[in-house]
Amino acid sequence: LERYARHLVLRQVGGPGQAKICAASVLVV
């Protein structure tokens, strides 16, 4: 909650958006 605080206060992101980010997986080639 502290680490991602600036994401969480974004109306378009918030808790649900950050949860999606934390659940996502990305392969960088």
PDB file of all heavy atoms in Angstrom:
ATOM      1  N   LEU A   1       0.828  -1.206   0.000  1.00  0.00           N
ATOM      2  CA  LEU A   1       0.000   0.000   0.000  1.00  0.00           C
ATOM      3  C   LEU A   1       0.860   1.254   0.000  1.00  0.00           C
ATOM      4  O   LEU A   1       0.529   2.248  -0.652  1.00  0.00           O
ATOM      5  CB  LEU A   1      -0.926  -0.010   1.229  1.00  0.00           C
ATOM      6  CG  LEU A   1      -2.064  -1.035   1.208  1.00  0.00           C
ATOM      7  CD1 LEU A   1      -2.778  -1.058   2.551  1.00  0.00           C
ATOM      8  CD2 LEU A   1      -3.047  -0.736   0.088  1.00  0.00           C
ATOM      9  N   GLU A   2       1.970   1.208   0.744  1.00  0.00           N
ATOM     10  CA  GLU A   2       2.876   2.361   0.750  1.00  0.00           C
ATOM     11  C   GLU A   2       3.684   2.435  -0.535  1.00  0.00           C
ATOM     12  O   GLU A   2       3.847   3.510  -1.126  1.00  0.00           O
ATOM     13  CB  GLU A   2       3.815   2.285   1.947  1.00  0.00           C
ATOM     14  CG  GLU A   2       4.758   3.482   2.044  1.00  0.00           C
ATOM     15  CD  GLU A   2       5.613   3.458   3.291  1.00  0.00           C
ATOM     16  OE1 GLU A   2       5.451   2.545   4.124  1.00  0.00           O
ATOM     17  OE2 GLU A   2       6.458   4.372   3.435  1.00  0.00           O
ATOM     18  N   ARG A   3       4.199   1.286  -1.002  1.00  0.00           N
ATOM     19  CA  ARG A   3       5.038   1.262  -2.191  1.00  0.00           C
ATOM     20  C   ARG A   3       4.278   1.780  -3.423  1.00  0.00           C
ATOM     21  O   ARG A   3       4.822   2.520  -4.241  1.00  0.00           O
ATOM     22  CB  ARG A   3       5.545  -0.163  -2.445  1.00  0.00           C
ATOM     23  CG  ARG A   3       6.440  -0.288  -3.684  1.00  0.00           C
ATOM     24  CD  ARG A   3       6.855  -1.731  -3.908  1.00  0.00           C
ATOM     25  NE  ARG A   3       7.813  -2.202  -2.916  1.00  0.00           N
ATOM     26  CZ  ARG A   3       9.130  -2.063  -3.031  1.00  0.00           C
ATOM     27  NH1 ARG A   3       9.656  -1.455  -4.080  1.00  0.00           N
ATOM     28  NH2 ARG A   3       9.927  -2.539  -2.089  1.00  0.00           N
ATOM     29  N   TYR A   4       3.026   1.384  -3.556  1.00  0.00           N
ATOM     30  CA  TYR A   4       2.257   1.734  -4.751  1.00  0.00           C
ATOM     31  C   TYR A   4       1.258   2.860  -4.501  1.00  0.00           C
ATOM     32  O   TYR A   4       0.284   3.017  -5.232  1.00  0.00           O
ATOM     33  CB  TYR A   4       1.524   0.492  -5.269  1.00  0.00           C
ATOM     34  CG  TYR A   4       2.444  -0.693  -5.489  1.00  0.00           C
ATOM     35  CD1 TYR A   4       2.186  -1.921  -4.876  1.00  0.00           C
ATOM     36  CD2 TYR A   4       3.582  -0.577  -6.276  1.00  0.00           C
ATOM     37  CE1 TYR A   4       3.037  -3.000  -5.051  1.00  0.00           C
ATOM     38  CE2 TYR A   4       4.442  -1.652  -6.452  1.00  0.00           C
ATOM     39  CZ  TYR A   4       4.165  -2.860  -5.834  1.00  0.00           C
ATOM     40  OH  TYR A   4       5.019  -3.921  -6.012  1.00  0.00           O
ATOM     41  N   ALA A   5       1.524   3.659  -3.468  1.00  0.00           N
ATOM     42  CA  ALA A   5       0.582   4.702  -3.069  1.00  0.00           C
ATOM     43  C   ALA A   5       0.240   5.663  -4.197  1.00  0.00           C
ATOM     44  O   ALA A   5      -0.917   6.092  -4.335  1.00  0.00           O
ATOM     45  CB  ALA A   5       1.150   5.480  -1.869  1.00  0.00           C
ATOM     46  N   ARG A   6       1.238   6.008  -5.036  1.00  0.00           N
ATOM     47  CA  ARG A   6       0.963   6.982  -6.106  1.00  0.00           C
ATOM     48  C   ARG A   6       0.142   6.367  -7.230  1.00  0.00           C
ATOM     49  O   ARG A   6      -0.462   7.094  -8.013  1.00  0.00           O
ATOM     50  CB  ARG A   6       2.279   7.553  -6.650  1.00  0.00           C
ATOM     51  CG  ARG A   6       3.120   8.283  -5.618  1.00  0.00           C
ATOM     52  CD  ARG A   6       2.347   9.436  -4.944  1.00  0.00           C
ATOM     53  NE  ARG A   6       3.189  10.168  -4.031  1.00  0.00           N
ATOM     54  CZ  ARG A   6       3.368   9.873  -2.752  1.00  0.00           C
ATOM     55  NH1 ARG A   6       2.742   8.823  -2.218  1.00  0.00           N
ATOM     56  NH2 ARG A   6       4.155  10.605  -1.979  1.00  0.00           N
ATOM     57  N   HIS A   7       0.125   5.050  -7.333  1.00  0.00           N
ATOM     58  CA  HIS A   7      -0.799   4.386  -8.254  1.00  0.00           C
ATOM     59  C   HIS A   7      -2.198   4.330  -7.642  1.00  0.00           C
ATOM     60  O   HIS A   7      -3.199   4.546  -8.326  1.00  0.00           O
ATOM     61  CB  HIS A   7      -0.348   2.951  -8.541  1.00  0.00           C
ATOM     62  CG  HIS A   7       0.714   2.841  -9.575  1.00  0.00           C
ATOM     63  ND1 HIS A   7       1.293   1.635  -9.917  1.00  0.00           N
ATOM     64  CD2 HIS A   7       1.317   3.773 -10.354  1.00  0.00           C
ATOM     65  CE1 HIS A   7       2.203   1.831 -10.856  1.00  0.00           C
ATOM     66  NE2 HIS A   7       2.241   3.120 -11.119  1.00  0.00           N
ATOM     67  N   LEU A   8      -2.256   4.040  -6.367  1.00  0.00           N
ATOM     68  CA  LEU A   8      -3.535   3.812  -5.715  1.00  0.00           C
ATOM     69  C   LEU A   8      -4.404   5.062  -5.681  1.00  0.00           C
ATOM     70  O   LEU A   8      -5.633   4.967  -5.682  1.00  0.00           O
ATOM     71  CB  LEU A   8      -3.312   3.290  -4.291  1.00  0.00           C
ATOM     72  CG  LEU A   8      -2.597   1.930  -4.204  1.00  0.00           C
ATOM     73  CD1 LEU A   8      -2.274   1.590  -2.751  1.00  0.00           C
ATOM     74  CD2 LEU A   8      -3.445   0.838  -4.828  1.00  0.00           C
ATOM     75  N   VAL A   9      -3.777   6.232  -5.661  1.00  0.00           N
ATOM     76  CA  VAL A   9      -4.570   7.465  -5.635  1.00  0.00           C
ATOM     77  C   VAL A   9      -4.993   7.901  -7.030  1.00  0.00           C
ATOM     78  O   VAL A   9      -5.783   8.841  -7.169  1.00  0.00           O
ATOM     79  CB  VAL A   9      -3.805   8.615  -4.930  1.00  0.00           C
ATOM     80  CG1 VAL A   9      -3.561   8.269  -3.474  1.00  0.00           C
ATOM     81  CG2 VAL A   9      -2.504   8.943  -5.644  1.00  0.00           C
ATOM     82  N   LEU A  10      -4.477   7.235  -8.060  1.00  0.00           N
ATOM     83  CA  LEU A  10      -4.945   7.522  -9.408  1.00  0.00           C
ATOM     84  C   LEU A  10      -6.346   6.944  -9.575  1.00  0.00           C
ATOM     85  O   LEU A  10      -6.564   5.740  -9.389  1.00  0.00           O
ATOM     86  CB  LEU A  10      -4.009   6.908 -10.459  1.00  0.00           C
ATOM     87  CG  LEU A  10      -2.648   7.575 -10.646  1.00  0.00           C
ATOM     88  CD1 LEU A  10      -1.751   6.704 -11.530  1.00  0.00           C
ATOM     89  CD2 LEU A  10      -2.817   8.954 -11.298  1.00  0.00           C
ATOM     90  N   ARG A  11      -7.286   7.785  -9.945  1.00  0.00           N
ATOM     91  CA  ARG A  11      -8.675   7.334 -10.051  1.00  0.00           C
ATOM     92  C   ARG A  11      -8.822   6.185 -11.038  1.00  0.00           C
ATOM     93  O   ARG A  11      -9.602   5.255 -10.830  1.00  0.00           O
ATOM     94  CB  ARG A  11      -9.562   8.518 -10.472  1.00  0.00           C
ATOM     95  CG  ARG A  11     -11.034   8.165 -10.659  1.00  0.00           C
ATOM     96  CD  ARG A  11     -11.846   9.421 -10.944  1.00  0.00           C
ATOM     97  NE  ARG A  11     -11.302  10.163 -12.071  1.00  0.00           N
ATOM     98  CZ  ARG A  11     -11.593   9.885 -13.346  1.00  0.00           C
ATOM     99  NH1 ARG A  11     -12.381   8.867 -13.637  1.00  0.00           N
ATOM    100  NH2 ARG A  11     -11.073  10.614 -14.324  1.00  0.00           N
ATOM    101  N   GLN A  12      -8.043   6.223 -12.133  1.00  0.00           N
ATOM    102  CA  GLN A  12      -8.173   5.196 -13.158  1.00  0.00           C
ATOM    103  C   GLN A  12      -7.490   3.876 -12.773  1.00  0.00           C
ATOM    104  O   GLN A  12      -7.695   2.864 -13.431  1.00  0.00           O
ATOM    105  CB  GLN A  12      -7.590   5.703 -14.484  1.00  0.00           C
ATOM    106  CG  GLN A  12      -8.290   6.918 -15.056  1.00  0.00           C
ATOM    107  CD  GLN A  12      -7.678   8.222 -14.569  1.00  0.00           C
ATOM    108  OE1 GLN A  12      -7.024   8.256 -13.515  1.00  0.00           O
ATOM    109  NE2 GLN A  12      -7.874   9.284 -15.327  1.00  0.00           N
ATOM    110  N   VAL A  13      -6.642   3.916 -11.754  1.00  0.00           N
ATOM    111  CA  VAL A  13      -5.926   2.710 -11.323  1.00  0.00           C
ATOM    112  C   VAL A  13      -6.515   2.194 -10.025  1.00  0.00           C
ATOM    113  O   VAL A  13      -7.208   1.181 -10.004  1.00  0.00           O
ATOM    114  CB  VAL A  13      -4.416   2.982 -11.175  1.00  0.00           C
ATOM    115  CG1 VAL A  13      -3.687   1.707 -10.734  1.00  0.00           C
ATOM    116  CG2 VAL A  13      -3.827   3.485 -12.476  1.00  0.00           C
ATOM    117  N   GLY A  14      -6.224   2.884  -8.923  1.00  0.00           N
ATOM    118  CA  GLY A  14      -6.764   2.490  -7.635  1.00  0.00           C
ATOM    119  C   GLY A  14      -6.353   1.085  -7.234  1.00  0.00           C
ATOM    120  O   GLY A  14      -5.448   0.475  -7.807  1.00  0.00           O
ATOM    121  N   GLY A  15      -7.052   0.552  -6.238  1.00  0.00           N
ATOM    122  CA  GLY A  15      -6.761  -0.788  -5.763  1.00  0.00           C
ATOM    123  C   GLY A  15      -7.000  -1.870  -6.805  1.00  0.00           C
ATOM    124  O   GLY A  15      -6.154  -2.752  -6.994  1.00  0.00           O
ATOM    125  N   PRO A  16      -8.141  -1.828  -7.522  1.00  0.00           N
ATOM    126  CA  PRO A  16      -8.390  -2.862  -8.531  1.00  0.00           C
ATOM    127  C   PRO A  16      -7.355  -2.875  -9.649  1.00  0.00           C
ATOM    128  O   PRO A  16      -6.907  -3.943 -10.083  1.00  0.00           O
ATOM    129  CB  PRO A  16      -9.781  -2.486  -9.064  1.00  0.00           C
ATOM    130  CG  PRO A  16     -10.438  -1.758  -7.946  1.00  0.00           C
ATOM    131  CD  PRO A  16      -9.330  -0.979  -7.302  1.00  0.00           C
ATOM    132  N   GLY A  17      -6.936  -1.696 -10.110  1.00  0.00           N
ATOM    133  CA  GLY A  17      -5.940  -1.629 -11.171  1.00  0.00           C
ATOM    134  C   GLY A  17      -4.586  -2.121 -10.716  1.00  0.00           C
ATOM    135  O   GLY A  17      -3.899  -2.852 -11.430  1.00  0.00           O
ATOM    136  N   GLN A  18      -4.190  -1.741  -9.485  1.00  0.00           N
ATOM    137  CA  GLN A  18      -2.913  -2.208  -8.965  1.00  0.00           C
ATOM    138  C   GLN A  18      -2.942  -3.717  -8.746  1.00  0.00           C
ATOM    139  O   GLN A  18      -1.935  -4.405  -8.969  1.00  0.00           O
ATOM    140  CB  GLN A  18      -2.565  -1.499  -7.658  1.00  0.00           C
ATOM    141  CG  GLN A  18      -1.194  -1.849  -7.111  1.00  0.00           C
ATOM    142  CD  GLN A  18      -0.063  -1.462  -8.059  1.00  0.00           C
ATOM    143  OE1 GLN A  18      -0.036  -0.367  -8.594  1.00  0.00           O
ATOM    144  NE2 GLN A  18       0.865  -2.380  -8.279  1.00  0.00           N
ATOM    145  N   ALA A  19      -4.069  -4.245  -8.337  1.00  0.00           N
ATOM    146  CA  ALA A  19      -4.189  -5.688  -8.163  1.00  0.00           C
ATOM    147  C   ALA A  19      -3.993  -6.415  -9.488  1.00  0.00           C
ATOM    148  O   ALA A  19      -3.366  -7.481  -9.540  1.00  0.00           O
ATOM    149  CB  ALA A  19      -5.553  -6.032  -7.565  1.00  0.00           C
ATOM    150  N   LYS A  20      -4.512  -5.835 -10.568  1.00  0.00           N
ATOM    151  CA  LYS A  20      -4.322  -6.426 -11.897  1.00  0.00           C
ATOM    152  C   LYS A  20      -2.847  -6.395 -12.295  1.00  0.00           C
ATOM    153  O   LYS A  20      -2.328  -7.352 -12.872  1.00  0.00           O
ATOM    154  CB  LYS A  20      -5.154  -5.681 -12.938  1.00  0.00           C
ATOM    155  CG  LYS A  20      -6.649  -5.895 -12.812  1.00  0.00           C
ATOM    156  CD  LYS A  20      -7.398  -5.092 -13.870  1.00  0.00           C
ATOM    157  CE  LYS A  20      -8.899  -5.269 -13.740  1.00  0.00           C
ATOM    158  NZ  LYS A  20      -9.638  -4.460 -14.760  1.00  0.00           N
ATOM    159  N   ILE A  21      -2.185  -5.277 -11.997  1.00  0.00           N
ATOM    160  CA  ILE A  21      -0.757  -5.168 -12.297  1.00  0.00           C
ATOM    161  C   ILE A  21       0.028  -6.218 -11.516  1.00  0.00           C
ATOM    162  O   ILE A  21       0.893  -6.910 -12.068  1.00  0.00           O
ATOM    163  CB  ILE A  21      -0.248  -3.745 -11.970  1.00  0.00           C
ATOM    164  CG1 ILE A  21      -0.859  -2.723 -12.947  1.00  0.00           C
ATOM    165  CG2 ILE A  21       1.276  -3.685 -12.024  1.00  0.00           C
ATOM    166  CD1 ILE A  21      -0.565  -1.270 -12.592  1.00  0.00           C
ATOM    167  N   CYS A  22      -0.282  -6.370 -10.243  1.00  0.00           N
ATOM    168  CA  CYS A  22       0.438  -7.318  -9.401  1.00  0.00           C
ATOM    169  C   CYS A  22       0.162  -8.772  -9.796  1.00  0.00           C
ATOM    170  O   CYS A  22       0.964  -9.658  -9.497  1.00  0.00           O
ATOM    171  CB  CYS A  22       0.065  -7.110  -7.938  1.00  0.00           C
ATOM    172  SG  CYS A  22       0.700  -5.568  -7.217  1.00  0.00           S
ATOM    173  N   ALA A  23      -0.949  -9.004 -10.466  1.00  0.00           N
ATOM    174  CA  ALA A  23      -1.292 -10.359 -10.888  1.00  0.00           C
ATOM    175  C   ALA A  23      -0.784 -10.687 -12.284  1.00  0.00           C
ATOM    176  O   ALA A  23      -0.844 -11.845 -12.702  1.00  0.00           O
ATOM    177  CB  ALA A  23      -2.813 -10.551 -10.842  1.00  0.00           C
ATOM    178  N   ALA A  24      -0.280  -9.691 -13.003  1.00  0.00           N
ATOM    179  CA  ALA A  24       0.118  -9.878 -14.398  1.00  0.00           C
ATOM    180  C   ALA A  24       1.523 -10.443 -14.514  1.00  0.00           C
ATOM    181  O   ALA A  24       2.365 -10.273 -13.624  1.00  0.00           O
ATOM    182  CB  ALA A  24       0.028  -8.549 -15.146  1.00  0.00           C
ATOM    183  N   SER A  25       1.772 -11.097 -15.640  1.00  0.00           N
ATOM    184  CA  SER A  25       3.111 -11.608 -15.944  1.00  0.00           C
ATOM    185  C   SER A  25       3.534 -11.106 -17.313  1.00  0.00           C
ATOM    186  O   SER A  25       2.737 -11.074 -18.254  1.00  0.00           O
ATOM    187  CB  SER A  25       3.118 -13.138 -15.913  1.00  0.00           C
ATOM    188  OG  SER A  25       2.178 -13.679 -16.825  1.00  0.00           O
ATOM    189  N   VAL A  26       4.787 -10.691 -17.418  1.00  0.00           N
ATOM    190  CA  VAL A  26       5.307 -10.093 -18.650  1.00  0.00           C
ATOM    191  C   VAL A  26       6.652 -10.706 -18.994  1.00  0.00           C
ATOM    192  O   VAL A  26       7.521 -10.838 -18.123  1.00  0.00           O
ATOM    193  CB  VAL A  26       5.471  -8.557 -18.506  1.00  0.00           C
ATOM    194  CG1 VAL A  26       6.006  -7.951 -19.801  1.00  0.00           C
ATOM    195  CG2 VAL A  26       4.149  -7.904 -18.115  1.00  0.00           C
ATOM    196  N   LEU A  27       6.816 -11.068 -20.249  1.00  0.00           N
ATOM    197  CA  LEU A  27       8.101 -11.555 -20.744  1.00  0.00           C
ATOM    198  C   LEU A  27       8.776 -10.440 -21.530  1.00  0.00           C
ATOM    199  O   LEU A  27       8.213  -9.938 -22.509  1.00  0.00           O
ATOM    200  CB  LEU A  27       7.905 -12.777 -21.649  1.00  0.00           C
ATOM    201  CG  LEU A  27       9.194 -13.424 -22.165  1.00  0.00           C
ATOM    202  CD1 LEU A  27       9.970 -14.076 -21.025  1.00  0.00           C
ATOM    203  CD2 LEU A  27       8.894 -14.455 -23.253  1.00  0.00           C
ATOM    204  N   VAL A  28       9.959 -10.040 -21.111  1.00  0.00           N
ATOM    205  CA  VAL A  28      10.732  -9.016 -21.794  1.00  0.00           C
ATOM    206  C   VAL A  28      11.825  -9.711 -22.599  1.00  0.00           C
ATOM    207  O   VAL A  28      12.709 -10.352 -22.022  1.00  0.00           O
ATOM    208  CB  VAL A  28      11.354  -8.007 -20.800  1.00  0.00           C
ATOM    209  CG1 VAL A  28      12.170  -6.952 -21.545  1.00  0.00           C
ATOM    210  CG2 VAL A  28      10.260  -7.343 -19.966  1.00  0.00           C
ATOM    211  N   VAL A  29      11.759  -9.572 -23.908  1.00  0.00           N
ATOM    212  CA  VAL A  29      12.741 -10.214 -24.785  1.00  0.00           C
ATOM    213  C   VAL A  29      13.784  -9.176 -25.179  1.00  0.00           C
ATOM    214  O   VAL A  29      13.484  -8.208 -25.878  1.00  0.00           O
ATOM    215  CB  VAL A  29      12.064 -10.805 -26.036  1.00  0.00           C
ATOM    216  CG1 VAL A  29      13.112 -11.457 -26.943  1.00  0.00           C
ATOM    217  CG2 VAL A  29      11.007 -11.825 -25.630  1.00  0.00           C
TER     218      VAL A  29
END
